[in-house]
N, C-alpha and C. Protein backbone atom coordinates (compact mmCIF):
# COMPACT_ATOMS: atom_id res chain seq x y z
N UNK A 1 18.06 75.29 41.16
CA UNK A 1 17.98 74.07 41.92
C UNK A 1 17.60 72.93 40.99
N UNK A 2 18.25 71.82 41.11
CA UNK A 2 17.94 70.68 40.24
C UNK A 2 16.92 69.76 40.90
N UNK A 3 16.17 69.07 40.10
CA UNK A 3 15.15 68.13 40.61
C UNK A 3 15.84 66.87 41.11
N UNK A 4 15.24 66.25 42.11
CA UNK A 4 15.78 64.99 42.64
C UNK A 4 15.51 63.85 41.67
N UNK A 5 16.47 62.97 41.58
CA UNK A 5 16.24 61.78 40.75
C UNK A 5 15.42 60.78 41.55
N UNK A 6 14.45 60.11 40.93
CA UNK A 6 13.62 59.15 41.68
C UNK A 6 14.45 57.94 42.08
N UNK A 7 14.16 57.42 43.27
CA UNK A 7 14.83 56.22 43.76
C UNK A 7 13.97 55.02 43.39
N UNK A 8 14.34 54.35 42.36
CA UNK A 8 13.56 53.18 41.96
C UNK A 8 13.84 52.03 42.92
N UNK A 9 12.77 51.39 43.38
CA UNK A 9 12.92 50.23 44.25
C UNK A 9 13.10 50.55 45.71
N UNK A 10 13.19 51.82 46.08
CA UNK A 10 13.40 52.16 47.48
C UNK A 10 12.14 51.86 48.28
N UNK A 11 12.27 51.05 49.33
CA UNK A 11 11.16 50.68 50.21
C UNK A 11 10.00 50.04 49.46
N UNK A 12 10.30 49.36 48.40
CA UNK A 12 9.27 48.66 47.65
C UNK A 12 9.51 47.17 47.76
N UNK A 13 8.47 46.41 48.03
CA UNK A 13 8.59 44.96 48.17
C UNK A 13 8.04 44.28 46.92
N UNK A 14 8.59 43.11 46.61
CA UNK A 14 8.01 42.35 45.51
C UNK A 14 6.58 41.93 45.85
N UNK A 15 5.78 41.68 44.85
CA UNK A 15 4.40 41.25 45.07
C UNK A 15 4.36 39.88 45.76
N UNK A 16 5.34 39.04 45.53
CA UNK A 16 5.39 37.70 46.10
C UNK A 16 6.24 37.72 47.38
N UNK A 17 5.64 37.47 48.55
CA UNK A 17 6.41 37.50 49.80
C UNK A 17 7.57 36.51 49.83
N UNK A 18 7.39 35.33 49.24
CA UNK A 18 8.48 34.34 49.22
C UNK A 18 9.71 34.89 48.50
N UNK A 19 9.50 35.58 47.41
CA UNK A 19 10.61 36.19 46.67
C UNK A 19 11.29 37.25 47.52
N UNK A 20 10.50 38.01 48.22
CA UNK A 20 11.02 39.07 49.08
C UNK A 20 11.89 38.49 50.18
N UNK A 21 11.43 37.41 50.82
CA UNK A 21 12.18 36.79 51.92
C UNK A 21 13.45 36.15 51.38
N UNK A 22 13.36 35.41 50.27
CA UNK A 22 14.54 34.76 49.70
C UNK A 22 15.58 35.77 49.24
N UNK A 23 15.16 36.92 48.75
CA UNK A 23 16.09 37.93 48.27
C UNK A 23 17.00 38.42 49.39
N UNK A 24 16.52 38.42 50.62
CA UNK A 24 17.32 38.87 51.75
C UNK A 24 18.45 37.89 52.07
N UNK A 25 18.34 36.65 51.63
CA UNK A 25 19.37 35.64 51.91
C UNK A 25 20.57 35.76 50.98
N UNK A 26 20.41 36.46 49.87
CA UNK A 26 21.50 36.59 48.91
C UNK A 26 22.55 37.55 49.46
N UNK A 27 23.81 37.15 49.38
CA UNK A 27 24.91 37.97 49.86
C UNK A 27 25.36 38.95 48.80
N UNK A 28 25.59 40.20 49.16
CA UNK A 28 26.18 41.13 48.21
C UNK A 28 27.60 40.68 47.87
N UNK A 29 28.06 41.02 46.70
CA UNK A 29 29.40 40.63 46.26
C UNK A 29 30.45 41.18 47.23
N UNK A 30 31.42 40.34 47.58
CA UNK A 30 32.52 40.78 48.42
C UNK A 30 32.28 40.69 49.92
N UNK A 31 31.13 40.19 50.35
CA UNK A 31 30.87 40.07 51.79
C UNK A 31 31.16 38.65 52.24
N UNK A 32 31.65 38.54 53.46
CA UNK A 32 31.96 37.23 54.03
C UNK A 32 30.66 36.50 54.38
N UNK A 33 30.73 35.18 54.50
CA UNK A 33 29.54 34.39 54.83
C UNK A 33 28.92 34.82 56.15
N UNK A 34 29.71 35.19 57.13
CA UNK A 34 29.18 35.61 58.42
C UNK A 34 28.39 36.90 58.35
N UNK A 35 28.58 37.68 57.31
CA UNK A 35 27.87 38.94 57.17
C UNK A 35 26.40 38.73 56.84
N UNK A 36 26.00 37.53 56.45
CA UNK A 36 24.61 37.27 56.10
C UNK A 36 23.73 37.31 57.34
N UNK A 37 24.30 37.08 58.51
CA UNK A 37 23.52 37.03 59.74
C UNK A 37 23.53 38.41 60.41
N UNK A 38 23.03 39.42 59.71
CA UNK A 38 23.09 40.77 60.26
C UNK A 38 21.73 41.42 60.40
N UNK A 39 20.65 40.68 60.18
CA UNK A 39 19.32 41.26 60.32
C UNK A 39 19.05 41.54 61.79
N UNK A 40 18.35 42.62 62.06
CA UNK A 40 18.05 42.99 63.43
C UNK A 40 16.55 42.96 63.62
N UNK A 41 16.11 42.39 64.74
CA UNK A 41 14.71 42.32 65.09
C UNK A 41 14.51 43.07 66.39
N UNK A 42 13.59 44.00 66.40
CA UNK A 42 13.32 44.78 67.59
C UNK A 42 11.95 44.44 68.13
N UNK A 43 11.86 44.17 69.42
CA UNK A 43 10.57 43.91 70.05
C UNK A 43 10.43 44.82 71.26
N UNK A 44 9.21 45.15 71.59
CA UNK A 44 8.95 45.97 72.77
C UNK A 44 8.57 45.05 73.93
N UNK A 45 9.27 45.18 75.03
CA UNK A 45 8.96 44.42 76.24
C UNK A 45 8.93 45.38 77.41
N UNK A 46 8.23 44.97 78.45
CA UNK A 46 8.21 45.80 79.65
C UNK A 46 9.54 45.65 80.38
N UNK A 47 9.86 46.57 81.26
CA UNK A 47 11.09 46.40 82.05
C UNK A 47 11.11 45.09 82.85
N UNK A 48 9.95 44.67 83.34
CA UNK A 48 9.89 43.41 84.09
C UNK A 48 10.19 42.22 83.18
N UNK A 49 9.64 42.23 81.97
CA UNK A 49 9.92 41.14 81.03
C UNK A 49 11.40 41.13 80.66
N UNK A 50 11.96 42.29 80.44
CA UNK A 50 13.38 42.38 80.10
C UNK A 50 14.23 41.77 81.21
N UNK A 51 13.88 42.08 82.44
CA UNK A 51 14.61 41.52 83.58
C UNK A 51 14.50 40.01 83.63
N UNK A 52 13.30 39.47 83.40
CA UNK A 52 13.11 38.01 83.43
C UNK A 52 13.89 37.33 82.30
N UNK A 53 13.90 37.97 81.14
CA UNK A 53 14.65 37.41 80.01
C UNK A 53 16.14 37.38 80.33
N UNK A 54 16.67 38.47 80.89
CA UNK A 54 18.09 38.54 81.22
C UNK A 54 18.46 37.51 82.28
N UNK A 55 17.62 37.34 83.29
CA UNK A 55 17.88 36.35 84.35
C UNK A 55 17.87 34.94 83.78
N UNK A 56 16.86 34.64 82.94
CA UNK A 56 16.78 33.30 82.34
C UNK A 56 18.02 33.01 81.49
N UNK A 57 18.47 33.99 80.72
CA UNK A 57 19.67 33.79 79.90
C UNK A 57 20.90 33.56 80.79
N UNK A 58 21.02 34.35 81.84
CA UNK A 58 22.16 34.20 82.76
C UNK A 58 22.16 32.82 83.40
N UNK A 59 20.99 32.37 83.85
CA UNK A 59 20.89 31.04 84.50
C UNK A 59 21.26 29.91 83.55
N UNK A 60 21.07 30.13 82.26
CA UNK A 60 21.41 29.11 81.26
C UNK A 60 22.82 29.28 80.72
N UNK A 61 23.54 30.28 81.22
CA UNK A 61 24.90 30.51 80.77
C UNK A 61 24.97 31.02 79.34
N UNK A 62 23.96 31.77 78.94
CA UNK A 62 23.88 32.27 77.57
C UNK A 62 23.72 33.78 77.58
N UNK A 63 23.97 34.38 76.44
CA UNK A 63 23.63 35.78 76.30
C UNK A 63 22.15 35.85 75.92
N UNK A 64 21.54 37.01 76.10
CA UNK A 64 20.14 37.18 75.71
C UNK A 64 19.99 36.93 74.22
N UNK A 65 20.90 37.45 73.42
CA UNK A 65 20.82 37.26 71.97
C UNK A 65 20.87 35.79 71.60
N UNK A 66 21.80 35.02 72.22
CA UNK A 66 21.91 33.60 71.91
C UNK A 66 20.66 32.84 72.34
N UNK A 67 20.12 33.19 73.51
CA UNK A 67 18.92 32.51 74.00
C UNK A 67 17.73 32.79 73.08
N UNK A 68 17.56 34.03 72.67
CA UNK A 68 16.44 34.37 71.80
C UNK A 68 16.63 33.76 70.41
N UNK A 69 17.87 33.70 69.94
CA UNK A 69 18.13 33.07 68.65
C UNK A 69 17.75 31.59 68.70
N UNK A 70 18.12 30.90 69.79
CA UNK A 70 17.77 29.48 69.95
C UNK A 70 16.25 29.30 70.02
N UNK A 71 15.58 30.20 70.72
CA UNK A 71 14.12 30.14 70.81
C UNK A 71 13.48 30.30 69.43
N UNK A 72 13.94 31.27 68.67
CA UNK A 72 13.39 31.50 67.34
C UNK A 72 13.69 30.33 66.41
N UNK A 73 14.88 29.76 66.50
CA UNK A 73 15.22 28.61 65.66
C UNK A 73 14.35 27.41 66.02
N UNK A 74 14.04 27.24 67.30
CA UNK A 74 13.19 26.13 67.73
C UNK A 74 11.75 26.33 67.25
N UNK A 75 11.24 27.54 67.39
CA UNK A 75 9.85 27.82 67.04
C UNK A 75 9.63 28.00 65.54
N UNK A 76 10.64 28.47 64.85
CA UNK A 76 10.54 28.72 63.41
C UNK A 76 11.72 28.08 62.69
N UNK A 77 11.73 26.74 62.59
CA UNK A 77 12.86 26.07 61.95
C UNK A 77 12.91 26.40 60.46
N UNK A 78 14.11 26.30 59.87
CA UNK A 78 14.21 26.49 58.43
C UNK A 78 13.27 25.53 57.70
N UNK A 79 12.81 25.90 56.54
CA UNK A 79 11.82 25.12 55.80
C UNK A 79 12.25 23.66 55.62
N UNK A 80 13.52 23.40 55.40
CA UNK A 80 14.01 22.05 55.19
C UNK A 80 13.96 21.19 56.44
N UNK A 81 13.92 21.82 57.65
CA UNK A 81 13.94 21.09 58.90
C UNK A 81 12.55 20.91 59.50
N UNK A 82 11.52 21.46 58.90
CA UNK A 82 10.18 21.42 59.47
C UNK A 82 9.71 19.98 59.59
N UNK A 83 9.14 19.68 60.75
CA UNK A 83 8.59 18.35 60.99
C UNK A 83 9.60 17.31 61.41
N UNK A 84 10.84 17.68 61.60
CA UNK A 84 11.86 16.70 62.00
C UNK A 84 12.08 16.75 63.47
């Protein structure tokens, strides 16, 4: 049986959080610009909260994903837009 080769860099973050966050924005070679928006965020909500979120999105004519994306963009604007 052969020994496993070590995975360098696997699940390791840079010491500087800003570098870590900025590194995620870089596109791998050969990917389209739209592929950069593929991060997934998972949150735990109660069934009642989920229902209220879905109803609010429906009443606004939006999908839940679009409504939550707009909420996050409003609450956490890109660094260049802060304070505007």
